[in-house]
Structure formats: structure tokens, C-alpha cells
Amino acid sequence: MIMGLMTLSPRLRQGLESLALALLMAGITTAAVKVFGWKIWPRPLAASHVASQPHALTLANDLRLVAASAEPALSATPSAAGAPALIVHRNLSASEMFAAAKLAKARGDAAEALRVSKQIEEFFPNSPEGVASHVTLGLLYLELDQPELALQEFATFRRIGSPEMKAEAYFGQAQALRKLARYDDEGMVLEELIHSYARSIYVAAARARLAELASDAGKR
């Protein structure tokens, strides 16, 4: 048989050899399936066919995870310059704002009481609360060691304020003058307080302070 193959033309002989090799490989594969349980995977689908099929939404095939940035923290002070934001109480009435300022002062928040009192003067300047806020501001400025501003507020109230509260404005004005070392002016205001409001609760303190001023004057 081999001699017969040798007599064939080279092209025909090459074809027969290829056929024989294909049959041999097919036999080996069949035997492997039966002996070892190998599985023959189907041919992959063409790219065009795969692209035409809809994909189910899943993260299983995602190769990249995009890092999510953290949400910005809420700022208690949204001011760009870092200064505390001015709280506006324009939606409140004058009496409500006055009560808010009084409450802030009672809890020791002088800065908040100052802001609200200034807003009362701005929004309701002619109201009873707006006029009374001059005394509140004067006392707050004294607490914040700003006697010149305090003096202005007390002087304003002495001109336009109610008589019932003027004794407090007189005494506050005298305290501001004392901080400014204007002792002669302080004595004059205290004497006016005693003369005009003899029954005021501030009279005793005014007399005591006048005695101190007289003693200091005698030592000079």
C-alpha cells in the first residue's frame, strides 16, 4: 500500500495524508471523551451576534469602580470669610425680638443679645422696644468693655426714653464715664440722678460713688 502511495502525485498524496491525520485526531478526541469525560465547548458566538443581544444590568462584569467622594459637611457658619453669620429676626415682632435679646443676655450670650438689640433699633426704631434697646445696648457695651459706645446709647435714651427707665440710663452713663476716667462728668451725672430720681434703686449706689469721688479729690 505504501508503494502504491509513492506512485501517486505529490498533491494527491498530501491530501490523503491530511485526511488520515484528521481521522486520527477525531478518533483520539472521541476516545478522550469516553475515557476522561472531557467536554467539547461550543464555538463562541460572532462578535456582531453578541453585540446585538441586550445586556442585563449587573456589576459582575465591571472592571472599574469609581470612588464616590464624601458629601461636604454642613457648616455652622456659612460665611465665606469665617465670621459668624448675622442672624436676622425680621419675621418676629418687636416684642418677640426684645424677649429674644433678653433671653440671650440672661444665658450669657452677649454677642447674640447685641445683634438682636441692634436689629430692633434698625427695624423698629420708634417702637417702645426700639427705644428701650438703647439701654440694653448700653449695658451690653459696658459688659464688652466698649464704654464710648455705651455712653452714646445711654445719652440717646436720656433724650427719648421713658421716665421710668431714665434712672437706669443715668447710672449706666455714669459707669461709662468712670471707665473713660472722666470723673468730673461722672460726678455731675450721679448728682443729676439723685436730684431727679430720689426714690430710684440706684440712688444708694450713686451716693456711695460720690463719696468715693470726693475722697479721691481730697487726696489729690
C-alpha atoms as a PDB file:
ATOM      1  CA  MET A   1       0.000   0.000   0.000  1.00  0.00           C
ATOM      2  CA  ILE A   2       2.857   2.283   0.853  1.00  0.00           C
ATOM      3  CA  MET A   3       4.398   1.606  -2.545  1.00  0.00           C
ATOM      4  CA  GLY A   4       1.038   2.496  -4.053  1.00  0.00           C
ATOM      5  CA  LEU A   5       1.047   5.826  -2.296  1.00  0.00           C
ATOM      6  CA  MET A   6       4.529   6.559  -3.538  1.00  0.00           C
ATOM      7  CA  THR A   7       3.317   6.221  -7.106  1.00  0.00           C
ATOM      8  CA  LEU A   8       0.673   8.921  -6.586  1.00  0.00           C
ATOM      9  CA  SER A   9       1.261  12.533  -7.445  1.00  0.00           C
ATOM     10  CA  PRO A  10       2.599  14.733  -4.623  1.00  0.00           C
ATOM     11  CA  ARG A  11      -0.620  16.806  -4.347  1.00  0.00           C
ATOM     12  CA  LEU A  12      -2.869  13.759  -4.140  1.00  0.00           C
ATOM     13  CA  ARG A  13      -0.541  12.071  -1.681  1.00  0.00           C
ATOM     14  CA  GLN A  14      -0.568  15.216   0.575  1.00  0.00           C
ATOM     15  CA  GLY A  15      -4.368  15.277   0.549  1.00  0.00           C
ATOM     16  CA  LEU A  16      -4.605  11.657   1.601  1.00  0.00           C
ATOM     17  CA  GLU A  17      -2.125  12.218   4.410  1.00  0.00           C
ATOM     18  CA  SER A  18      -4.135  15.203   5.728  1.00  0.00           C
ATOM     19  CA  LEU A  19      -7.327  13.155   5.647  1.00  0.00           C
ATOM     20  CA  ALA A  20      -5.658  10.342   7.536  1.00  0.00           C
ATOM     21  CA  LEU A  21      -4.343  12.782  10.162  1.00  0.00           C
ATOM     22  CA  ALA A  22      -7.803  14.327  10.624  1.00  0.00           C
ATOM     23  CA  LEU A  23      -9.366  10.889  11.101  1.00  0.00           C
ATOM     24  CA  LEU A  24      -6.665  10.019  13.648  1.00  0.00           C
ATOM     25  CA  MET A  25      -7.286  13.218  15.686  1.00  0.00           C
ATOM     26  CA  ALA A  26     -11.038  12.633  15.600  1.00  0.00           C
ATOM     27  CA  GLY A  27     -10.522   9.153  16.948  1.00  0.00           C
ATOM     28  CA  ILE A  28      -8.274  10.377  19.740  1.00  0.00           C
ATOM     29  CA  THR A  29     -10.820  13.068  20.767  1.00  0.00           C
ATOM     30  CA  THR A  30     -13.681  10.589  20.832  1.00  0.00           C
ATOM     31  CA  ALA A  31     -11.661   8.230  22.973  1.00  0.00           C
ATOM     32  CA  ALA A  32     -10.769  11.046  25.398  1.00  0.00           C
ATOM     33  CA  VAL A  33     -14.435  11.992  25.817  1.00  0.00           C
ATOM     34  CA  LYS A  34     -15.344   8.434  26.682  1.00  0.00           C
ATOM     35  CA  VAL A  35     -12.397   7.792  28.982  1.00  0.00           C
ATOM     36  CA  PHE A  36     -11.841  11.142  30.785  1.00  0.00           C
ATOM     37  CA  GLY A  37     -15.292  12.791  30.468  1.00  0.00           C
ATOM     38  CA  TRP A  38     -13.913  15.818  28.556  1.00  0.00           C
ATOM     39  CA  LYS A  39     -16.462  18.316  27.311  1.00  0.00           C
ATOM     40  CA  ILE A  40     -16.386  19.952  23.965  1.00  0.00           C
ATOM     41  CA  TRP A  41     -17.187  23.660  24.393  1.00  0.00           C
ATOM     42  CA  PRO A  42     -19.369  25.265  21.742  1.00  0.00           C
ATOM     43  CA  ARG A  43     -17.810  27.729  19.425  1.00  0.00           C
ATOM     44  CA  PRO A  44     -18.010  31.344  20.643  1.00  0.00           C
ATOM     45  CA  LEU A  45     -20.653  33.492  19.066  1.00  0.00           C
ATOM     46  CA  ALA A  46     -19.600  36.008  16.498  1.00  0.00           C
ATOM     47  CA  ALA A  47     -18.897  39.481  17.818  1.00  0.00           C
ATOM     48  CA  SER A  48     -21.717  41.003  15.794  1.00  0.00           C
ATOM     49  CA  HIS A  49     -24.176  38.477  17.249  1.00  0.00           C
ATOM     50  CA  VAL A  50     -23.058  39.133  20.801  1.00  0.00           C
ATOM     51  CA  ALA A  51     -23.333  42.884  20.383  1.00  0.00           C
ATOM     52  CA  SER A  52     -26.927  42.536  19.197  1.00  0.00           C
ATOM     53  CA  GLN A  53     -28.037  40.771  22.392  1.00  0.00           C
ATOM     54  CA  PRO A  54     -29.199  43.005  25.281  1.00  0.00           C
ATOM     55  CA  HIS A  55     -27.049  43.007  28.422  1.00  0.00           C
ATOM     56  CA  ALA A  56     -28.567  42.589  31.870  1.00  0.00           C
ATOM     57  CA  LEU A  57     -27.642  45.349  34.307  1.00  0.00           C
ATOM     58  CA  THR A  58     -25.110  43.810  36.673  1.00  0.00           C
ATOM     59  CA  LEU A  59     -21.902  44.713  38.479  1.00  0.00           C
ATOM     60  CA  ALA A  60     -20.412  41.258  37.900  1.00  0.00           C
ATOM     61  CA  ASN A  61     -18.556  42.268  34.752  1.00  0.00           C
ATOM     62  CA  ASP A  62     -17.492  45.746  35.924  1.00  0.00           C
ATOM     63  CA  LEU A  63     -13.721  46.088  35.795  1.00  0.00           C
ATOM     64  CA  ARG A  64     -13.532  49.550  37.370  1.00  0.00           C
ATOM     65  CA  LEU A  65     -15.044  51.051  40.486  1.00  0.00           C
ATOM     66  CA  VAL A  66     -15.463  54.812  40.573  1.00  0.00           C
ATOM     67  CA  ALA A  67     -14.651  56.193  44.023  1.00  0.00           C
ATOM     68  CA  ALA A  68     -17.507  58.270  45.395  1.00  0.00           C
ATOM     69  CA  SER A  69     -16.453  61.498  47.040  1.00  0.00           C
ATOM     70  CA  ALA A  70     -17.782  62.197  50.521  1.00  0.00           C
ATOM     71  CA  GLU A  71     -20.603  64.699  50.904  1.00  0.00           C
ATOM     72  CA  PRO A  72     -19.442  68.085  52.214  1.00  0.00           C
ATOM     73  CA  ALA A  73     -20.072  68.580  55.893  1.00  0.00           C
ATOM     74  CA  LEU A  74     -22.688  71.100  56.880  1.00  0.00           C
ATOM     75  CA  SER A  75     -21.138  74.306  58.141  1.00  0.00           C
ATOM     76  CA  ALA A  76     -22.438  76.003  61.192  1.00  0.00           C
ATOM     77  CA  THR A  77     -21.052  79.289  59.930  1.00  0.00           C
ATOM     78  CA  PRO A  78     -21.626  79.600  56.165  1.00  0.00           C
ATOM     79  CA  SER A  79     -19.835  82.915  55.962  1.00  0.00           C
ATOM     80  CA  ALA A  80     -17.104  82.816  53.320  1.00  0.00           C
ATOM     81  CA  ALA A  81     -14.730  84.828  55.484  1.00  0.00           C
ATOM     82  CA  GLY A  82     -15.262  82.599  58.502  1.00  0.00           C
ATOM     83  CA  ALA A  83     -17.027  85.328  60.503  1.00  0.00           C
ATOM     84  CA  PRO A  84     -20.239  84.405  62.358  1.00  0.00           C
ATOM     85  CA  ALA A  85     -23.299  84.927  60.209  1.00  0.00           C
ATOM     86  CA  LEU A  86     -25.705  87.703  61.233  1.00  0.00           C
ATOM     87  CA  ILE A  87     -28.959  86.122  62.368  1.00  0.00           C
ATOM     88  CA  VAL A  88     -31.872  88.186  61.099  1.00  0.00           C
ATOM     89  CA  HIS A  89     -35.110  88.058  63.100  1.00  0.00           C
ATOM     90  CA  ARG A  90     -37.100  90.308  60.737  1.00  0.00           C
ATOM     91  CA  ASN A  91     -40.031  87.886  60.754  1.00  0.00           C
ATOM     92  CA  LEU A  92     -40.506  88.448  64.515  1.00  0.00           C
ATOM     93  CA  SER A  93     -42.347  91.317  66.137  1.00  0.00           C
ATOM     94  CA  ALA A  94     -40.553  93.963  68.163  1.00  0.00           C
ATOM     95  CA  SER A  95     -41.703  92.431  71.447  1.00  0.00           C
ATOM     96  CA  GLU A  96     -40.603  88.947  70.362  1.00  0.00           C
ATOM     97  CA  MET A  97     -37.178  90.232  69.340  1.00  0.00           C
ATOM     98  CA  PHE A  98     -36.859  92.136  72.627  1.00  0.00           C
ATOM     99  CA  ALA A  99     -37.673  88.941  74.537  1.00  0.00           C
ATOM    100  CA  ALA A 100     -35.092  87.032  72.442  1.00  0.00           C
ATOM    101  CA  ALA A 101     -32.413  89.605  73.262  1.00  0.00           C
ATOM    102  CA  LYS A 102     -33.298  89.465  76.958  1.00  0.00           C
ATOM    103  CA  LEU A 103     -33.118  85.676  76.919  1.00  0.00           C
ATOM    104  CA  ALA A 104     -29.730  85.696  75.163  1.00  0.00           C
ATOM    105  CA  LYS A 105     -28.366  88.146  77.731  1.00  0.00           C
ATOM    106  CA  ALA A 106     -29.702  86.013  80.593  1.00  0.00           C
ATOM    107  CA  ARG A 107     -27.885  82.934  79.341  1.00  0.00           C
ATOM    108  CA  GLY A 108     -24.639  84.876  78.954  1.00  0.00           C
ATOM    109  CA  ASP A 109     -24.625  85.200  75.166  1.00  0.00           C
ATOM    110  CA  ALA A 110     -23.767  88.895  74.990  1.00  0.00           C
ATOM    111  CA  ALA A 111     -22.875  88.755  71.286  1.00  0.00           C
ATOM    112  CA  GLU A 112     -26.299  87.369  70.315  1.00  0.00           C
ATOM    113  CA  ALA A 113     -28.102  89.822  72.586  1.00  0.00           C
ATOM    114  CA  LEU A 114     -26.139  92.655  70.967  1.00  0.00           C
ATOM    115  CA  ARG A 115     -27.034  91.516  67.432  1.00  0.00           C
ATOM    116  CA  VAL A 116     -30.748  91.213  68.182  1.00  0.00           C
ATOM    117  CA  SER A 117     -30.876  94.549  70.021  1.00  0.00           C
ATOM    118  CA  LYS A 118     -29.235  96.328  67.078  1.00  0.00           C
ATOM    119  CA  GLN A 119     -31.782  94.740  64.747  1.00  0.00           C
ATOM    120  CA  ILE A 120     -34.607  96.014  66.941  1.00  0.00           C
ATOM    121  CA  GLU A 121     -33.212  99.546  66.631  1.00  0.00           C
ATOM    122  CA  GLU A 122     -32.938  99.098  62.863  1.00  0.00           C
ATOM    123  CA  PHE A 123     -36.350  97.531  62.189  1.00  0.00           C
ATOM    124  CA  PHE A 124     -38.457  99.204  64.916  1.00  0.00           C
ATOM    125  CA  PRO A 125     -36.647 102.434  65.893  1.00  0.00           C
ATOM    126  CA  ASN A 126     -39.756 104.258  67.165  1.00  0.00           C
ATOM    127  CA  SER A 127     -41.361 101.354  68.984  1.00  0.00           C
ATOM    128  CA  PRO A 128     -41.165 101.103  72.800  1.00  0.00           C
ATOM    129  CA  GLU A 129     -38.838  98.118  72.347  1.00  0.00           C
ATOM    130  CA  GLY A 130     -36.682 100.062  69.915  1.00  0.00           C
ATOM    131  CA  VAL A 131     -36.282 102.916  72.377  1.00  0.00           C
ATOM    132  CA  ALA A 132     -35.652 100.581  75.322  1.00  0.00           C
ATOM    133  CA  SER A 133     -32.987  98.783  73.307  1.00  0.00           C
ATOM    134  CA  HIS A 134     -30.721 101.808  73.768  1.00  0.00           C
ATOM    135  CA  VAL A 135     -30.423 100.931  77.455  1.00  0.00           C
ATOM    136  CA  THR A 136     -29.913  97.241  76.630  1.00  0.00           C
ATOM    137  CA  LEU A 137     -27.178  98.104  74.150  1.00  0.00           C
ATOM    138  CA  GLY A 138     -25.546 100.483  76.607  1.00  0.00           C
ATOM    139  CA  LEU A 139     -25.338  97.768  79.260  1.00  0.00           C
ATOM    140  CA  LEU A 140     -24.033  95.255  76.716  1.00  0.00           C
ATOM    141  CA  TYR A 141     -21.335  97.654  75.522  1.00  0.00           C
ATOM    142  CA  LEU A 142     -20.275  98.150  79.148  1.00  0.00           C
ATOM    143  CA  GLU A 143     -20.055  94.380  79.535  1.00  0.00           C
ATOM    144  CA  LEU A 144     -17.972  94.164  76.378  1.00  0.00           C
ATOM    145  CA  ASP A 145     -15.689  96.958  77.659  1.00  0.00           C
ATOM    146  CA  GLN A 146     -16.725  99.483  74.997  1.00  0.00           C
ATOM    147  CA  PRO A 147     -17.587 102.488  77.162  1.00  0.00           C
ATOM    148  CA  GLU A 148     -17.685 105.072  74.361  1.00  0.00           C
ATOM    149  CA  LEU A 149     -20.417 103.167  72.513  1.00  0.00           C
ATOM    150  CA  ALA A 150     -22.226 102.613  75.801  1.00  0.00           C
ATOM    151  CA  LEU A 151     -22.117 106.340  76.540  1.00  0.00           C
ATOM    152  CA  GLN A 152     -23.765 107.123  73.208  1.00  0.00           C
ATOM    153  CA  GLU A 153     -26.602 104.661  73.812  1.00  0.00           C
ATOM    154  CA  PHE A 154     -27.336 105.951  77.322  1.00  0.00           C
ATOM    155  CA  ALA A 155     -27.228 109.574  76.143  1.00  0.00           C
ATOM    156  CA  THR A 156     -29.707 108.750  73.356  1.00  0.00           C
ATOM    157  CA  PHE A 157     -32.097 107.118  75.793  1.00  0.00           C
ATOM    158  CA  ARG A 158     -31.906 110.106  78.148  1.00  0.00           C
ATOM    159  CA  ARG A 159     -33.263 112.251  75.308  1.00  0.00           C
ATOM    160  CA  ILE A 160     -36.058 109.988  74.019  1.00  0.00           C
ATOM    161  CA  GLY A 161     -36.628 107.315  76.658  1.00  0.00           C
ATOM    162  CA  SER A 162     -39.424 106.859  79.165  1.00  0.00           C
ATOM    163  CA  PRO A 163     -39.020 108.457  82.617  1.00  0.00           C
ATOM    164  CA  GLU A 164     -39.423 105.055  84.273  1.00  0.00           C
ATOM    165  CA  MET A 165     -36.120 103.843  82.840  1.00  0.00           C
ATOM    166  CA  LYS A 166     -34.116 107.057  82.778  1.00  0.00           C
ATOM    167  CA  ALA A 167     -32.599 106.425  86.208  1.00  0.00           C
ATOM    168  CA  GLU A 168     -31.012 103.256  84.822  1.00  0.00           C
ATOM    169  CA  ALA A 169     -29.701 105.231  81.824  1.00  0.00           C
ATOM    170  CA  TYR A 170     -28.216 107.868  84.162  1.00  0.00           C
ATOM    171  CA  PHE A 171     -26.441 105.254  86.240  1.00  0.00           C
ATOM    172  CA  GLY A 172     -25.188 103.423  83.130  1.00  0.00           C
ATOM    173  CA  GLN A 173     -23.887 106.682  81.720  1.00  0.00           C
ATOM    174  CA  ALA A 174     -22.006 107.356  84.956  1.00  0.00           C
ATOM    175  CA  GLN A 175     -20.403 103.887  84.731  1.00  0.00           C
ATOM    176  CA  ALA A 176     -19.287 104.566  81.154  1.00  0.00           C
ATOM    177  CA  LEU A 177     -17.752 107.888  82.195  1.00  0.00           C
ATOM    178  CA  ARG A 178     -15.930 106.131  85.045  1.00  0.00           C
ATOM    179  CA  LYS A 179     -14.409 103.628  82.597  1.00  0.00           C
ATOM    180  CA  LEU A 180     -13.278 106.572  80.469  1.00  0.00           C
ATOM    181  CA  ALA A 181     -11.708 108.232  83.555  1.00  0.00           C
ATOM    182  CA  ARG A 182     -13.968 111.271  83.143  1.00  0.00           C
ATOM    183  CA  TYR A 183     -14.570 111.583  86.865  1.00  0.00           C
ATOM    184  CA  ASP A 184     -15.883 115.163  86.929  1.00  0.00           C
ATOM    185  CA  ASP A 185     -18.543 114.313  84.323  1.00  0.00           C
ATOM    186  CA  GLU A 186     -19.344 111.117  86.216  1.00  0.00           C
ATOM    187  CA  GLY A 187     -19.995 113.124  89.416  1.00  0.00           C
ATOM    188  CA  MET A 188     -22.299 115.532  87.594  1.00  0.00           C
ATOM    189  CA  VAL A 189     -24.403 112.681  86.146  1.00  0.00           C
ATOM    190  CA  LEU A 190     -24.668 110.998  89.561  1.00  0.00           C
ATOM    191  CA  GLU A 191     -25.840 114.245  91.159  1.00  0.00           C
ATOM    192  CA  GLU A 192     -28.491 114.636  88.431  1.00  0.00           C
ATOM    193  CA  LEU A 193     -29.622 111.073  89.110  1.00  0.00           C
ATOM    194  CA  ILE A 194     -30.031 111.745  92.861  1.00  0.00           C
ATOM    195  CA  HIS A 195     -31.814 115.046  92.269  1.00  0.00           C
ATOM    196  CA  SER A 196     -34.221 113.790  89.568  1.00  0.00           C
ATOM    197  CA  TYR A 197     -34.904 110.269  90.808  1.00  0.00           C
ATOM    198  CA  ALA A 198     -34.585 110.404  94.588  1.00  0.00           C
ATOM    199  CA  ARG A 199     -36.594 107.166  95.013  1.00  0.00           C
ATOM    200  CA  SER A 200     -34.641 105.167  92.430  1.00  0.00           C
ATOM    201  CA  ILE A 201     -32.916 101.949  93.449  1.00  0.00           C
ATOM    202  CA  TYR A 202     -29.719 103.480  92.021  1.00  0.00           C
ATOM    203  CA  VAL A 203     -29.624 106.392  94.490  1.00  0.00           C
ATOM    204  CA  ALA A 204     -27.776 104.499  97.221  1.00  0.00           C
ATOM    205  CA  ALA A 205     -25.064 103.373  94.813  1.00  0.00           C
ATOM    206  CA  ALA A 206     -24.855 106.876  93.370  1.00  0.00           C
ATOM    207  CA  ARG A 207     -24.313 108.420  96.828  1.00  0.00           C
ATOM    208  CA  ALA A 208     -21.622 105.855  97.656  1.00  0.00           C
ATOM    209  CA  ARG A 209     -19.805 106.578  94.418  1.00  0.00           C
ATOM    210  CA  LEU A 210     -19.997 110.357  95.002  1.00  0.00           C
ATOM    211  CA  ALA A 211     -18.382 109.815  98.399  1.00  0.00           C
ATOM    212  CA  GLU A 212     -15.536 107.907  96.739  1.00  0.00           C
ATOM    213  CA  LEU A 213     -15.033 110.681  94.214  1.00  0.00           C
ATOM    214  CA  ALA A 214     -14.943 113.318  96.976  1.00  0.00           C
ATOM    215  CA  SER A 215     -12.413 111.277  98.952  1.00  0.00           C
ATOM    216  CA  ASP A 216     -10.193 110.819  95.880  1.00  0.00           C
ATOM    217  CA  ALA A 217     -10.424 114.555  95.153  1.00  0.00           C
ATOM    218  CA  GLY A 218      -9.378 115.393  98.738  1.00  0.00           C
ATOM    219  CA  LYS A 219      -6.306 113.182  98.424  1.00  0.00           C
ATOM    220  CA  ARG A 220      -5.123 114.949  95.293  1.00  0.00           C
END
